[in-house]
Amino acid sequence: GWVKRILILTMIITPIVVTISCVILSISGIISSVWAAVLIINSILPITSTNMFLIPYGIDKRVTALSVTWSTFFSIPIFVVLLYVFTVLFG
């Protein structure tokens, strides 16, 4: 239900949109590739900062807790790998 939809939105859709946007902005010369890398990494981070927004929109505390927990579980390994890759690329 809700947890799955929140995870898909925060762990798949948002990073894809951010990555596409950053690539376009970087190719256009509007932002540097290093800034693009930082923004992409930040889009992968856990959704702990969004938990304050989930409850007012009708999502209960249990779903919020599960979403934050699972997003942290999945995003930290991805974050570590991206940090290494971008350090090698832009180091």
N, C-alpha and C. Protein backbone atom coordinates (compact mmCIF):
# COMPACT_ATOMS: atom_id res chain seq x y z
N GLY A 1 0.78 -1.18 0.00
CA GLY A 1 0.00 0.00 0.00
C GLY A 1 0.84 1.27 0.00
N TRP A 2 0.61 2.04 1.06
CA TRP A 2 1.23 3.36 1.15
C TRP A 2 2.75 3.30 1.17
N VAL A 3 3.31 2.39 1.97
CA VAL A 3 4.77 2.32 2.10
C VAL A 3 5.41 2.06 0.74
N LYS A 4 4.85 1.11 0.00
CA LYS A 4 5.38 0.78 -1.32
C LYS A 4 5.32 2.00 -2.25
N ARG A 5 4.20 2.72 -2.24
CA ARG A 5 4.06 3.90 -3.11
C ARG A 5 5.03 5.01 -2.71
N ILE A 6 5.19 5.21 -1.41
CA ILE A 6 6.12 6.24 -0.94
C ILE A 6 7.55 5.87 -1.33
N LEU A 7 7.92 4.60 -1.16
CA LEU A 7 9.27 4.17 -1.53
C LEU A 7 9.51 4.31 -3.03
N ILE A 8 8.54 3.95 -3.84
CA ILE A 8 8.69 4.10 -5.30
C ILE A 8 8.88 5.57 -5.66
N LEU A 9 8.08 6.43 -5.04
CA LEU A 9 8.20 7.86 -5.32
C LEU A 9 9.55 8.42 -4.88
N THR A 10 9.97 8.08 -3.66
CA THR A 10 11.19 8.69 -3.11
C THR A 10 12.48 8.00 -3.54
N MET A 11 12.42 6.70 -3.84
CA MET A 11 13.65 5.97 -4.15
C MET A 11 13.85 5.74 -5.65
N ILE A 12 12.81 5.89 -6.45
CA ILE A 12 12.95 5.63 -7.89
C ILE A 12 12.59 6.86 -8.71
N ILE A 13 11.36 7.34 -8.56
CA ILE A 13 10.89 8.43 -9.43
C ILE A 13 11.66 9.72 -9.18
N THR A 14 11.77 10.14 -7.91
CA THR A 14 12.47 11.39 -7.61
C THR A 14 13.92 11.38 -8.07
N PRO A 15 14.72 10.33 -7.76
CA PRO A 15 16.10 10.33 -8.26
C PRO A 15 16.20 10.34 -9.79
N ILE A 16 15.28 9.67 -10.47
CA ILE A 16 15.30 9.68 -11.94
C ILE A 16 15.04 11.09 -12.46
N VAL A 17 14.02 11.75 -11.91
CA VAL A 17 13.70 13.12 -12.34
C VAL A 17 14.86 14.06 -12.04
N VAL A 18 15.44 13.94 -10.85
CA VAL A 18 16.57 14.80 -10.46
C VAL A 18 17.77 14.54 -11.37
N THR A 19 18.06 13.28 -11.65
CA THR A 19 19.20 12.94 -12.51
C THR A 19 19.01 13.49 -13.92
N ILE A 20 17.85 13.29 -14.49
CA ILE A 20 17.58 13.82 -15.84
C ILE A 20 17.71 15.34 -15.84
N SER A 21 17.13 16.00 -14.85
CA SER A 21 17.21 17.46 -14.77
C SER A 21 18.65 17.93 -14.62
N CYS A 22 19.41 17.26 -13.76
CA CYS A 22 20.80 17.66 -13.53
C CYS A 22 21.66 17.44 -14.77
N VAL A 23 21.44 16.36 -15.48
CA VAL A 23 22.19 16.10 -16.71
C VAL A 23 21.90 17.19 -17.74
N ILE A 24 20.64 17.54 -17.89
CA ILE A 24 20.27 18.60 -18.84
C ILE A 24 20.90 19.93 -18.43
N LEU A 25 20.81 20.28 -17.15
CA LEU A 25 21.39 21.53 -16.67
C LEU A 25 22.91 21.54 -16.79
N SER A 26 23.52 20.40 -16.56
CA SER A 26 24.98 20.29 -16.66
C SER A 26 25.44 20.40 -18.11
N ILE A 27 24.76 19.70 -19.01
CA ILE A 27 25.10 19.77 -20.43
C ILE A 27 24.89 21.19 -20.97
N SER A 28 23.85 21.86 -20.47
CA SER A 28 23.57 23.24 -20.90
C SER A 28 24.55 24.25 -20.31
N GLY A 29 25.35 23.81 -19.35
CA GLY A 29 26.32 24.71 -18.73
C GLY A 29 25.73 25.58 -17.64
N ILE A 30 24.50 25.29 -17.22
CA ILE A 30 23.85 26.09 -16.19
C ILE A 30 24.41 25.75 -14.81
N ILE A 31 24.68 24.47 -14.57
CA ILE A 31 25.34 24.05 -13.33
C ILE A 31 26.54 23.19 -13.71
N SER A 32 27.50 23.13 -12.80
CA SER A 32 28.68 22.31 -13.06
C SER A 32 28.35 20.83 -12.83
N SER A 33 29.17 19.97 -13.37
CA SER A 33 28.94 18.54 -13.19
C SER A 33 29.11 18.13 -11.73
N VAL A 34 29.95 18.84 -10.99
CA VAL A 34 30.13 18.54 -9.57
C VAL A 34 28.84 18.85 -8.80
N TRP A 35 28.22 19.99 -9.11
CA TRP A 35 26.95 20.31 -8.46
C TRP A 35 25.89 19.30 -8.85
N ALA A 36 25.88 18.87 -10.08
CA ALA A 36 24.93 17.85 -10.51
C ALA A 36 25.12 16.58 -9.70
N ALA A 37 26.37 16.19 -9.49
CA ALA A 37 26.66 14.99 -8.69
C ALA A 37 26.14 15.14 -7.27
N VAL A 38 26.35 16.30 -6.67
CA VAL A 38 25.87 16.55 -5.31
C VAL A 38 24.35 16.45 -5.24
N LEU A 39 23.68 17.05 -6.20
CA LEU A 39 22.21 17.01 -6.21
C LEU A 39 21.69 15.59 -6.42
N ILE A 40 22.36 14.84 -7.27
CA ILE A 40 21.95 13.45 -7.51
C ILE A 40 22.13 12.61 -6.25
N ILE A 41 23.27 12.78 -5.58
CA ILE A 41 23.51 12.06 -4.33
C ILE A 41 22.44 12.43 -3.30
N ASN A 42 22.14 13.72 -3.18
CA ASN A 42 21.13 14.16 -2.21
C ASN A 42 19.75 13.60 -2.52
N SER A 43 19.45 13.35 -3.78
CA SER A 43 18.14 12.80 -4.11
C SER A 43 17.99 11.35 -3.69
N ILE A 44 19.11 10.69 -3.40
CA ILE A 44 19.09 9.28 -3.00
C ILE A 44 18.99 9.13 -1.48
N LEU A 45 19.34 10.18 -0.74
CA LEU A 45 19.37 10.08 0.72
C LEU A 45 18.02 9.67 1.30
N PRO A 46 18.03 9.12 2.51
CA PRO A 46 16.77 8.67 3.12
C PRO A 46 15.76 9.81 3.25
N ILE A 47 14.50 9.44 3.37
CA ILE A 47 13.44 10.44 3.43
C ILE A 47 13.16 10.90 4.85
N THR A 48 14.12 10.81 5.74
CA THR A 48 13.87 11.19 7.14
C THR A 48 13.42 12.64 7.25
N SER A 49 13.90 13.50 6.40
CA SER A 49 13.49 14.90 6.49
C SER A 49 12.05 15.10 6.03
N THR A 50 11.49 14.14 5.33
CA THR A 50 10.12 14.31 4.85
C THR A 50 9.09 13.76 5.81
N ASN A 51 9.52 13.11 6.89
CA ASN A 51 8.53 12.52 7.79
C ASN A 51 7.61 13.58 8.39
N MET A 52 8.07 14.82 8.50
CA MET A 52 7.21 15.87 9.02
C MET A 52 6.09 16.21 8.04
N PHE A 53 6.28 15.85 6.77
CA PHE A 53 5.27 16.17 5.76
C PHE A 53 4.27 15.04 5.55
N LEU A 54 4.62 13.83 5.92
CA LEU A 54 3.74 12.69 5.64
C LEU A 54 2.49 12.68 6.51
N ILE A 55 2.64 12.94 7.80
CA ILE A 55 1.49 12.87 8.71
C ILE A 55 0.43 13.93 8.39
N PRO A 56 0.81 15.22 8.16
CA PRO A 56 -0.23 16.20 7.82
C PRO A 56 -1.02 15.85 6.56
N TYR A 57 -0.45 15.07 5.66
CA TYR A 57 -1.15 14.72 4.44
C TYR A 57 -1.95 13.43 4.59
N GLY A 58 -2.18 13.00 5.81
CA GLY A 58 -3.06 11.87 6.06
C GLY A 58 -2.37 10.53 6.11
N ILE A 59 -1.06 10.51 6.12
CA ILE A 59 -0.33 9.24 6.20
C ILE A 59 0.01 9.01 7.67
N ASP A 60 -0.39 7.88 8.21
CA ASP A 60 -0.25 7.65 9.64
C ASP A 60 1.20 7.43 10.08
N LYS A 61 1.38 7.42 11.40
CA LYS A 61 2.72 7.33 11.98
C LYS A 61 3.40 6.00 11.64
N ARG A 62 2.64 4.92 11.59
CA ARG A 62 3.22 3.61 11.28
C ARG A 62 3.78 3.59 9.86
N VAL A 63 3.00 4.08 8.90
CA VAL A 63 3.45 4.12 7.51
C VAL A 63 4.66 5.04 7.39
N THR A 64 4.62 6.17 8.10
CA THR A 64 5.76 7.10 8.09
C THR A 64 7.01 6.40 8.62
N ALA A 65 6.88 5.72 9.76
CA ALA A 65 8.03 5.03 10.35
C ALA A 65 8.57 3.95 9.42
N LEU A 66 7.68 3.17 8.82
CA LEU A 66 8.12 2.12 7.90
C LEU A 66 8.79 2.72 6.66
N SER A 67 8.23 3.79 6.13
CA SER A 67 8.80 4.43 4.95
C SER A 67 10.20 4.96 5.23
N VAL A 68 10.35 5.62 6.37
CA VAL A 68 11.65 6.17 6.74
C VAL A 68 12.66 5.03 6.96
N THR A 69 12.24 3.98 7.65
CA THR A 69 13.13 2.85 7.92
C THR A 69 13.58 2.17 6.64
N TRP A 70 12.64 1.82 5.76
CA TRP A 70 13.00 1.12 4.53
C TRP A 70 13.78 2.00 3.56
N SER A 71 13.44 3.28 3.50
CA SER A 71 14.21 4.16 2.61
C SER A 71 15.65 4.28 3.10
N THR A 72 15.84 4.32 4.41
CA THR A 72 17.19 4.36 4.97
C THR A 72 17.93 3.06 4.65
N PHE A 73 17.26 1.93 4.83
CA PHE A 73 17.86 0.63 4.57
C PHE A 73 18.35 0.51 3.13
N PHE A 74 17.54 0.98 2.18
CA PHE A 74 17.91 0.87 0.77
C PHE A 74 18.84 1.98 0.30
N SER A 75 18.67 3.17 0.84
CA SER A 75 19.40 4.31 0.28
C SER A 75 20.85 4.42 0.74
N ILE A 76 21.17 3.97 1.94
CA ILE A 76 22.54 4.12 2.43
C ILE A 76 23.54 3.37 1.55
N PRO A 77 23.31 2.09 1.19
CA PRO A 77 24.27 1.44 0.28
C PRO A 77 24.38 2.14 -1.08
N ILE A 78 23.25 2.60 -1.61
CA ILE A 78 23.28 3.33 -2.88
C ILE A 78 24.07 4.62 -2.73
N PHE A 79 23.86 5.32 -1.62
CA PHE A 79 24.58 6.56 -1.34
C PHE A 79 26.09 6.32 -1.28
N VAL A 80 26.50 5.27 -0.59
CA VAL A 80 27.93 4.96 -0.46
C VAL A 80 28.55 4.67 -1.83
N VAL A 81 27.87 3.88 -2.64
CA VAL A 81 28.37 3.56 -3.98
C VAL A 81 28.46 4.82 -4.84
N LEU A 82 27.41 5.64 -4.83
CA LEU A 82 27.43 6.88 -5.62
C LEU A 82 28.52 7.84 -5.15
N LEU A 83 28.70 7.92 -3.84
CA LEU A 83 29.75 8.78 -3.30
C LEU A 83 31.11 8.34 -3.81
N TYR A 84 31.36 7.04 -3.82
CA TYR A 84 32.63 6.52 -4.33
C TYR A 84 32.78 6.80 -5.83
N VAL A 85 31.74 6.50 -6.60
CA VAL A 85 31.79 6.69 -8.06
C VAL A 85 32.03 8.16 -8.40
N PHE A 86 31.29 9.06 -7.76
CA PHE A 86 31.46 10.48 -8.07
C PHE A 86 32.80 11.01 -7.57
N THR A 87 33.33 10.45 -6.48
CA THR A 87 34.66 10.84 -6.01
C THR A 87 35.71 10.44 -7.03
N VAL A 88 35.59 9.25 -7.58
CA VAL A 88 36.53 8.80 -8.61
C VAL A 88 36.40 9.67 -9.86
N LEU A 89 35.17 9.98 -10.26
CA LEU A 89 34.96 10.78 -11.48
C LEU A 89 35.39 12.23 -11.32
N PHE A 90 35.05 12.84 -10.19
CA PHE A 90 35.28 14.27 -10.03
C PHE A 90 36.32 14.61 -8.98
N GLY A 91 36.86 13.57 -8.31
CA GLY A 91 37.77 13.66 -7.20
C GLY A 91 38.71 14.73 -7.13
